[in-house]
Amino acid sequence: MQYTSQWERRLFKRIGNYLMKNNKNINECFDLIDTDNSQTISFDELKCALNRFQLSLSDKQLKVFL
């Protein structure tokens, strides 16, 4: 599978739709993902969050996204 900017745009759109559906802004979303309050998002935190957003991705896809 080739990863393109189109693939990334679709992912961002799905995340944006989740935020709107759940009435969250980007700062609230960041705080939900940053579970250890380190002010950074780790690979594992992102993986858990995207699963919570019903956006299950492979580790390879997550690395590209990061």
PDB file of N, CA and C in Angstrom:
ATOM      1  N   MET A   1       0.844  -1.184   0.000  1.00  0.00           N
ATOM      2  CA  MET A   1       0.000   0.000   0.000  1.00  0.00           C
ATOM      3  C   MET A   1       0.885   1.243   0.000  1.00  0.00           C
ATOM      4  N   GLN A   2       0.608   2.144  -0.902  1.00  0.00           N
ATOM      5  CA  GLN A   2       1.360   3.390  -0.962  1.00  0.00           C
ATOM      6  C   GLN A   2       0.642   4.451  -0.143  1.00  0.00           C
ATOM      7  N   TYR A   3       1.418   5.206   0.644  1.00  0.00           N
ATOM      8  CA  TYR A   3       0.847   6.236   1.491  1.00  0.00           C
ATOM      9  C   TYR A   3       1.046   7.589   0.820  1.00  0.00           C
ATOM     10  N   THR A   4      -0.021   8.297   0.607  1.00  0.00           N
ATOM     11  CA  THR A   4       0.038   9.574  -0.092  1.00  0.00           C
ATOM     12  C   THR A   4      -0.588  10.650   0.761  1.00  0.00           C
ATOM     13  N   SER A   5      -0.456  11.873   0.307  1.00  0.00           N
ATOM     14  CA  SER A   5      -1.098  12.971   1.020  1.00  0.00           C
ATOM     15  C   SER A   5      -2.617  12.781   1.000  1.00  0.00           C
ATOM     16  N   GLN A   6      -3.127  12.126  -0.047  1.00  0.00           N
ATOM     17  CA  GLN A   6      -4.567  11.842  -0.104  1.00  0.00           C
ATOM     18  C   GLN A   6      -4.966  10.908   1.037  1.00  0.00           C
ATOM     19  N   TRP A   7      -4.150   9.901   1.302  1.00  0.00           N
ATOM     20  CA  TRP A   7      -4.408   8.972   2.414  1.00  0.00           C
ATOM     21  C   TRP A   7      -4.412   9.738   3.733  1.00  0.00           C
ATOM     22  N   GLU A   8      -3.447  10.625   3.907  1.00  0.00           N
ATOM     23  CA  GLU A   8      -3.370  11.410   5.137  1.00  0.00           C
ATOM     24  C   GLU A   8      -4.573  12.334   5.280  1.00  0.00           C
ATOM     25  N   ARG A   9      -5.004  12.948   4.186  1.00  0.00           N
ATOM     26  CA  ARG A   9      -6.180  13.825   4.245  1.00  0.00           C
ATOM     27  C   ARG A   9      -7.417  13.056   4.677  1.00  0.00           C
ATOM     28  N   ARG A  10      -7.567  11.836   4.175  1.00  0.00           N
ATOM     29  CA  ARG A  10      -8.719  11.023   4.586  1.00  0.00           C
ATOM     30  C   ARG A  10      -8.667  10.727   6.081  1.00  0.00           C
ATOM     31  N   LEU A  11      -7.474  10.446   6.594  1.00  0.00           N
ATOM     32  CA  LEU A  11      -7.319  10.172   8.018  1.00  0.00           C
ATOM     33  C   LEU A  11      -7.661  11.404   8.846  1.00  0.00           C
ATOM     34  N   PHE A  12      -7.135  12.570   8.451  1.00  0.00           N
ATOM     35  CA  PHE A  12      -7.439  13.804   9.181  1.00  0.00           C
ATOM     36  C   PHE A  12      -8.927  14.123   9.130  1.00  0.00           C
ATOM     37  N   LYS A  13      -9.556  13.839   8.003  1.00  0.00           N
ATOM     38  CA  LYS A  13     -10.995  14.073   7.887  1.00  0.00           C
ATOM     39  C   LYS A  13     -11.763  13.182   8.862  1.00  0.00           C
ATOM     40  N   ARG A  14     -11.353  11.925   8.980  1.00  0.00           N
ATOM     41  CA  ARG A  14     -12.034  11.020   9.909  1.00  0.00           C
ATOM     42  C   ARG A  14     -11.839  11.482  11.358  1.00  0.00           C
ATOM     43  N   ILE A  15     -10.642  11.967  11.680  1.00  0.00           N
ATOM     44  CA  ILE A  15     -10.400  12.476  13.036  1.00  0.00           C
ATOM     45  C   ILE A  15     -11.250  13.727  13.268  1.00  0.00           C
ATOM     46  N   GLY A  16     -11.284  14.623  12.292  1.00  0.00           N
ATOM     47  CA  GLY A  16     -12.112  15.829  12.408  1.00  0.00           C
ATOM     48  C   GLY A  16     -13.577  15.494  12.600  1.00  0.00           C
ATOM     49  N   ASN A  17     -14.056  14.506  11.859  1.00  0.00           N
ATOM     50  CA  ASN A  17     -15.452  14.073  12.015  1.00  0.00           C
ATOM     51  C   ASN A  17     -15.708  13.543  13.420  1.00  0.00           C
ATOM     52  N   TYR A  18     -14.738  12.800  13.963  1.00  0.00           N
ATOM     53  CA  TYR A  18     -14.878  12.293  15.332  1.00  0.00           C
ATOM     54  C   TYR A  18     -14.970  13.456  16.314  1.00  0.00           C
ATOM     55  N   LEU A  19     -14.106  14.454  16.140  1.00  0.00           N
ATOM     56  CA  LEU A  19     -14.104  15.603  17.051  1.00  0.00           C
ATOM     57  C   LEU A  19     -15.435  16.344  16.999  1.00  0.00           C
ATOM     58  N   MET A  20     -15.941  16.564  15.785  1.00  0.00           N
ATOM     59  CA  MET A  20     -17.222  17.269  15.659  1.00  0.00           C
ATOM     60  C   MET A  20     -18.358  16.440  16.263  1.00  0.00           C
ATOM     61  N   LYS A  21     -18.362  15.162  15.981  1.00  0.00           N
ATOM     62  CA  LYS A  21     -19.416  14.280  16.481  1.00  0.00           C
ATOM     63  C   LYS A  21     -19.444  14.266  18.008  1.00  0.00           C
ATOM     64  N   ASN A  22     -18.269  14.338  18.625  1.00  0.00           N
ATOM     65  CA  ASN A  22     -18.161  14.270  20.077  1.00  0.00           C
ATOM     66  C   ASN A  22     -17.976  15.638  20.722  1.00  0.00           C
ATOM     67  N   ASN A  23     -18.182  16.704  19.926  1.00  0.00           N
ATOM     68  CA  ASN A  23     -18.118  18.076  20.423  1.00  0.00           C
ATOM     69  C   ASN A  23     -16.804  18.357  21.168  1.00  0.00           C
ATOM     70  N   LYS A  24     -15.688  17.991  20.532  1.00  0.00           N
ATOM     71  CA  LYS A  24     -14.360  18.208  21.117  1.00  0.00           C
ATOM     72  C   LYS A  24     -13.564  19.145  20.220  1.00  0.00           C
ATOM     73  N   ASN A  25     -12.696  19.960  20.835  1.00  0.00           N
ATOM     74  CA  ASN A  25     -11.779  20.770  20.035  1.00  0.00           C
ATOM     75  C   ASN A  25     -10.416  20.087  20.023  1.00  0.00           C
ATOM     76  N   ILE A  26      -9.493  20.624  19.255  1.00  0.00           N
ATOM     77  CA  ILE A  26      -8.195  19.974  19.085  1.00  0.00           C
ATOM     78  C   ILE A  26      -7.409  19.905  20.395  1.00  0.00           C
ATOM     79  N   ASN A  27      -7.533  20.915  21.250  1.00  0.00           N
ATOM     80  CA  ASN A  27      -6.829  20.883  22.540  1.00  0.00           C
ATOM     81  C   ASN A  27      -7.377  19.784  23.433  1.00  0.00           C
ATOM     82  N   GLU A  28      -8.690  19.619  23.450  1.00  0.00           N
ATOM     83  CA  GLU A  28      -9.296  18.547  24.242  1.00  0.00           C
ATOM     84  C   GLU A  28      -8.875  17.190  23.693  1.00  0.00           C
ATOM     85  N   CYS A  29      -8.801  17.110  22.386  1.00  0.00           N
ATOM     86  CA  CYS A  29      -8.374  15.869  21.750  1.00  0.00           C
ATOM     87  C   CYS A  29      -6.937  15.535  22.155  1.00  0.00           C
ATOM     88  N   PHE A  30      -6.049  16.524  22.105  1.00  0.00           N
ATOM     89  CA  PHE A  30      -4.657  16.304  22.492  1.00  0.00           C
ATOM     90  C   PHE A  30      -4.595  15.803  23.934  1.00  0.00           C
ATOM     91  N   ASP A  31      -5.358  16.437  24.823  1.00  0.00           N
ATOM     92  CA  ASP A  31      -5.351  16.027  26.227  1.00  0.00           C
ATOM     93  C   ASP A  31      -5.873  14.606  26.407  1.00  0.00           C
ATOM     94  N   LEU A  32      -6.826  14.205  25.596  1.00  0.00           N
ATOM     95  CA  LEU A  32      -7.329  12.827  25.659  1.00  0.00           C
ATOM     96  C   LEU A  32      -6.272  11.821  25.220  1.00  0.00           C
ATOM     97  N   ILE A  33      -5.480  12.209  24.228  1.00  0.00           N
ATOM     98  CA  ILE A  33      -4.454  11.307  23.705  1.00  0.00           C
ATOM     99  C   ILE A  33      -3.240  11.248  24.623  1.00  0.00           C
ATOM    100  N   ASP A  34      -2.833  12.393  25.176  1.00  0.00           N
ATOM    101  CA  ASP A  34      -1.640  12.487  26.041  1.00  0.00           C
ATOM    102  C   ASP A  34      -1.971  11.983  27.444  1.00  0.00           C
ATOM    103  N   THR A  35      -2.097  10.687  27.582  1.00  0.00           N
ATOM    104  CA  THR A  35      -2.560  10.102  28.847  1.00  0.00           C
ATOM    105  C   THR A  35      -1.562  10.233  29.991  1.00  0.00           C
ATOM    106  N   ASP A  36      -0.263  10.410  29.679  1.00  0.00           N
ATOM    107  CA  ASP A  36       0.720  10.566  30.757  1.00  0.00           C
ATOM    108  C   ASP A  36       1.041  12.035  31.047  1.00  0.00           C
ATOM    109  N   ASN A  37       0.303  12.950  30.396  1.00  0.00           N
ATOM    110  CA  ASN A  37       0.468  14.392  30.604  1.00  0.00           C
ATOM    111  C   ASN A  37       1.888  14.890  30.376  1.00  0.00           C
ATOM    112  N   SER A  38       2.574  14.289  29.410  1.00  0.00           N
ATOM    113  CA  SER A  38       3.952  14.674  29.111  1.00  0.00           C
ATOM    114  C   SER A  38       4.043  15.834  28.124  1.00  0.00           C
ATOM    115  N   GLN A  39       2.900  16.272  27.599  1.00  0.00           N
ATOM    116  CA  GLN A  39       2.830  17.316  26.578  1.00  0.00           C
ATOM    117  C   GLN A  39       3.383  16.846  25.232  1.00  0.00           C
ATOM    118  N   THR A  40       3.565  15.545  25.090  1.00  0.00           N
ATOM    119  CA  THR A  40       3.929  14.922  23.819  1.00  0.00           C
ATOM    120  C   THR A  40       3.061  13.681  23.652  1.00  0.00           C
ATOM    121  N   ILE A  41       2.931  13.243  22.422  1.00  0.00           N
ATOM    122  CA  ILE A  41       2.135  12.045  22.156  1.00  0.00           C
ATOM    123  C   ILE A  41       3.071  10.957  21.658  1.00  0.00           C
ATOM    124  N   SER A  42       3.103   9.861  22.384  1.00  0.00           N
ATOM    125  CA  SER A  42       3.954   8.741  22.015  1.00  0.00           C
ATOM    126  C   SER A  42       3.245   7.859  20.986  1.00  0.00           C
ATOM    127  N   PHE A  43       4.001   6.968  20.411  1.00  0.00           N
ATOM    128  CA  PHE A  43       3.451   6.015  19.455  1.00  0.00           C
ATOM    129  C   PHE A  43       2.311   5.217  20.087  1.00  0.00           C
ATOM    130  N   ASP A  44       2.542   4.714  21.305  1.00  0.00           N
ATOM    131  CA  ASP A  44       1.518   3.909  21.983  1.00  0.00           C
ATOM    132  C   ASP A  44       0.276   4.723  22.325  1.00  0.00           C
ATOM    133  N   GLU A  45       0.462   5.973  22.747  1.00  0.00           N
ATOM    134  CA  GLU A  45      -0.693   6.826  23.037  1.00  0.00           C
ATOM    135  C   GLU A  45      -1.507   7.081  21.775  1.00  0.00           C
ATOM    136  N   LEU A  46      -0.805   7.340  20.673  1.00  0.00           N
ATOM    137  CA  LEU A  46      -1.505   7.578  19.416  1.00  0.00           C
ATOM    138  C   LEU A  46      -2.253   6.329  18.962  1.00  0.00           C
ATOM    139  N   LYS A  47      -1.617   5.199  19.090  1.00  0.00           N
ATOM    140  CA  LYS A  47      -2.243   3.933  18.681  1.00  0.00           C
ATOM    141  C   LYS A  47      -3.523   3.683  19.483  1.00  0.00           C
ATOM    142  N   CYS A  48      -3.466   3.873  20.788  1.00  0.00           N
ATOM    143  CA  CYS A  48      -4.650   3.683  21.637  1.00  0.00           C
ATOM    144  C   CYS A  48      -5.744   4.686  21.271  1.00  0.00           C
ATOM    145  N   ALA A  49      -5.350   5.930  21.043  1.00  0.00           N
ATOM    146  CA  ALA A  49      -6.327   6.968  20.730  1.00  0.00           C
ATOM    147  C   ALA A  49      -7.026   6.692  19.407  1.00  0.00           C
ATOM    148  N   LEU A  50      -6.269   6.328  18.384  1.00  0.00           N
ATOM    149  CA  LEU A  50      -6.882   6.066  17.092  1.00  0.00           C
ATOM    150  C   LEU A  50      -7.808   4.860  17.150  1.00  0.00           C
ATOM    151  N   ASN A  51      -7.460   3.879  17.965  1.00  0.00           N
ATOM    152  CA  ASN A  51      -8.382   2.756  18.172  1.00  0.00           C
ATOM    153  C   ASN A  51      -9.662   3.246  18.848  1.00  0.00           C
ATOM    154  N   ARG A  52      -9.521   4.164  19.804  1.00  0.00           N
ATOM    155  CA  ARG A  52     -10.676   4.750  20.473  1.00  0.00           C
ATOM    156  C   ARG A  52     -11.538   5.535  19.481  1.00  0.00           C
ATOM    157  N   PHE A  53     -10.879   6.157  18.507  1.00  0.00           N
ATOM    158  CA  PHE A  53     -11.586   6.919  17.478  1.00  0.00           C
ATOM    159  C   PHE A  53     -12.118   6.010  16.376  1.00  0.00           C
ATOM    160  N   GLN A  54     -11.975   4.707  16.564  1.00  0.00           N
ATOM    161  CA  GLN A  54     -12.389   3.694  15.592  1.00  0.00           C
ATOM    162  C   GLN A  54     -11.633   3.865  14.277  1.00  0.00           C
ATOM    163  N   LEU A  55     -10.338   4.166  14.404  1.00  0.00           N
ATOM    164  CA  LEU A  55      -9.443   4.318  13.257  1.00  0.00           C
ATOM    165  C   LEU A  55      -8.281   3.345  13.418  1.00  0.00           C
ATOM    166  N   SER A  56      -8.571   2.079  13.404  1.00  0.00           N
ATOM    167  CA  SER A  56      -7.533   1.072  13.583  1.00  0.00           C
ATOM    168  C   SER A  56      -6.572   1.104  12.401  1.00  0.00           C
ATOM    169  N   LEU A  57      -5.294   1.331  12.702  1.00  0.00           N
ATOM    170  CA  LEU A  57      -4.252   1.379  11.681  1.00  0.00           C
ATOM    171  C   LEU A  57      -3.165   0.383  12.031  1.00  0.00           C
ATOM    172  N   SER A  58      -2.476  -0.076  11.022  1.00  0.00           N
ATOM    173  CA  SER A  58      -1.319  -0.936  11.272  1.00  0.00           C
ATOM    174  C   SER A  58      -0.190  -0.106  11.863  1.00  0.00           C
ATOM    175  N   ASP A  59       0.802  -0.770  12.457  1.00  0.00           N
ATOM    176  CA  ASP A  59       1.939  -0.039  12.996  1.00  0.00           C
ATOM    177  C   ASP A  59       2.660   0.734  11.895  1.00  0.00           C
ATOM    178  N   LYS A  60       2.727   0.166  10.701  1.00  0.00           N
ATOM    179  CA  LYS A  60       3.382   0.845   9.575  1.00  0.00           C
ATOM    180  C   LYS A  60       2.622   2.120   9.211  1.00  0.00           C
ATOM    181  N   GLN A  61       1.296   2.049   9.180  1.00  0.00           N
ATOM    182  CA  GLN A  61       0.493   3.232   8.886  1.00  0.00           C
ATOM    183  C   GLN A  61       0.671   4.286   9.975  1.00  0.00           C
ATOM    184  N   LEU A  62       0.717   3.851  11.229  1.00  0.00           N
ATOM    185  CA  LEU A  62       0.904   4.801  12.330  1.00  0.00           C
ATOM    186  C   LEU A  62       2.258   5.512  12.227  1.00  0.00           C
ATOM    187  N   LYS A  63       3.282   4.773  11.866  1.00  0.00           N
ATOM    188  CA  LYS A  63       4.610   5.386  11.722  1.00  0.00           C
ATOM    189  C   LYS A  63       4.586   6.446  10.617  1.00  0.00           C
ATOM    190  N   VAL A  64       3.904   6.156   9.527  1.00  0.00           N
ATOM    191  CA  VAL A  64       3.795   7.134   8.444  1.00  0.00           C
ATOM    192  C   VAL A  64       3.039   8.363   8.941  1.00  0.00           C
ATOM    193  N   PHE A  65       1.963   8.135   9.685  1.00  0.00           N
ATOM    194  CA  PHE A  65       1.149   9.231  10.199  1.00  0.00           C
ATOM    195  C   PHE A  65       1.943  10.108  11.155  1.00  0.00           C
ATOM    196  N   LEU A  66       2.753   9.478  12.016  1.00  0.00           N
ATOM    197  CA  LEU A  66       3.570  10.261  12.941  1.00  0.00           C
ATOM    198  C   LEU A  66       4.585  11.090  12.174  1.00  0.00           C
TER     199      LEU A  66
END
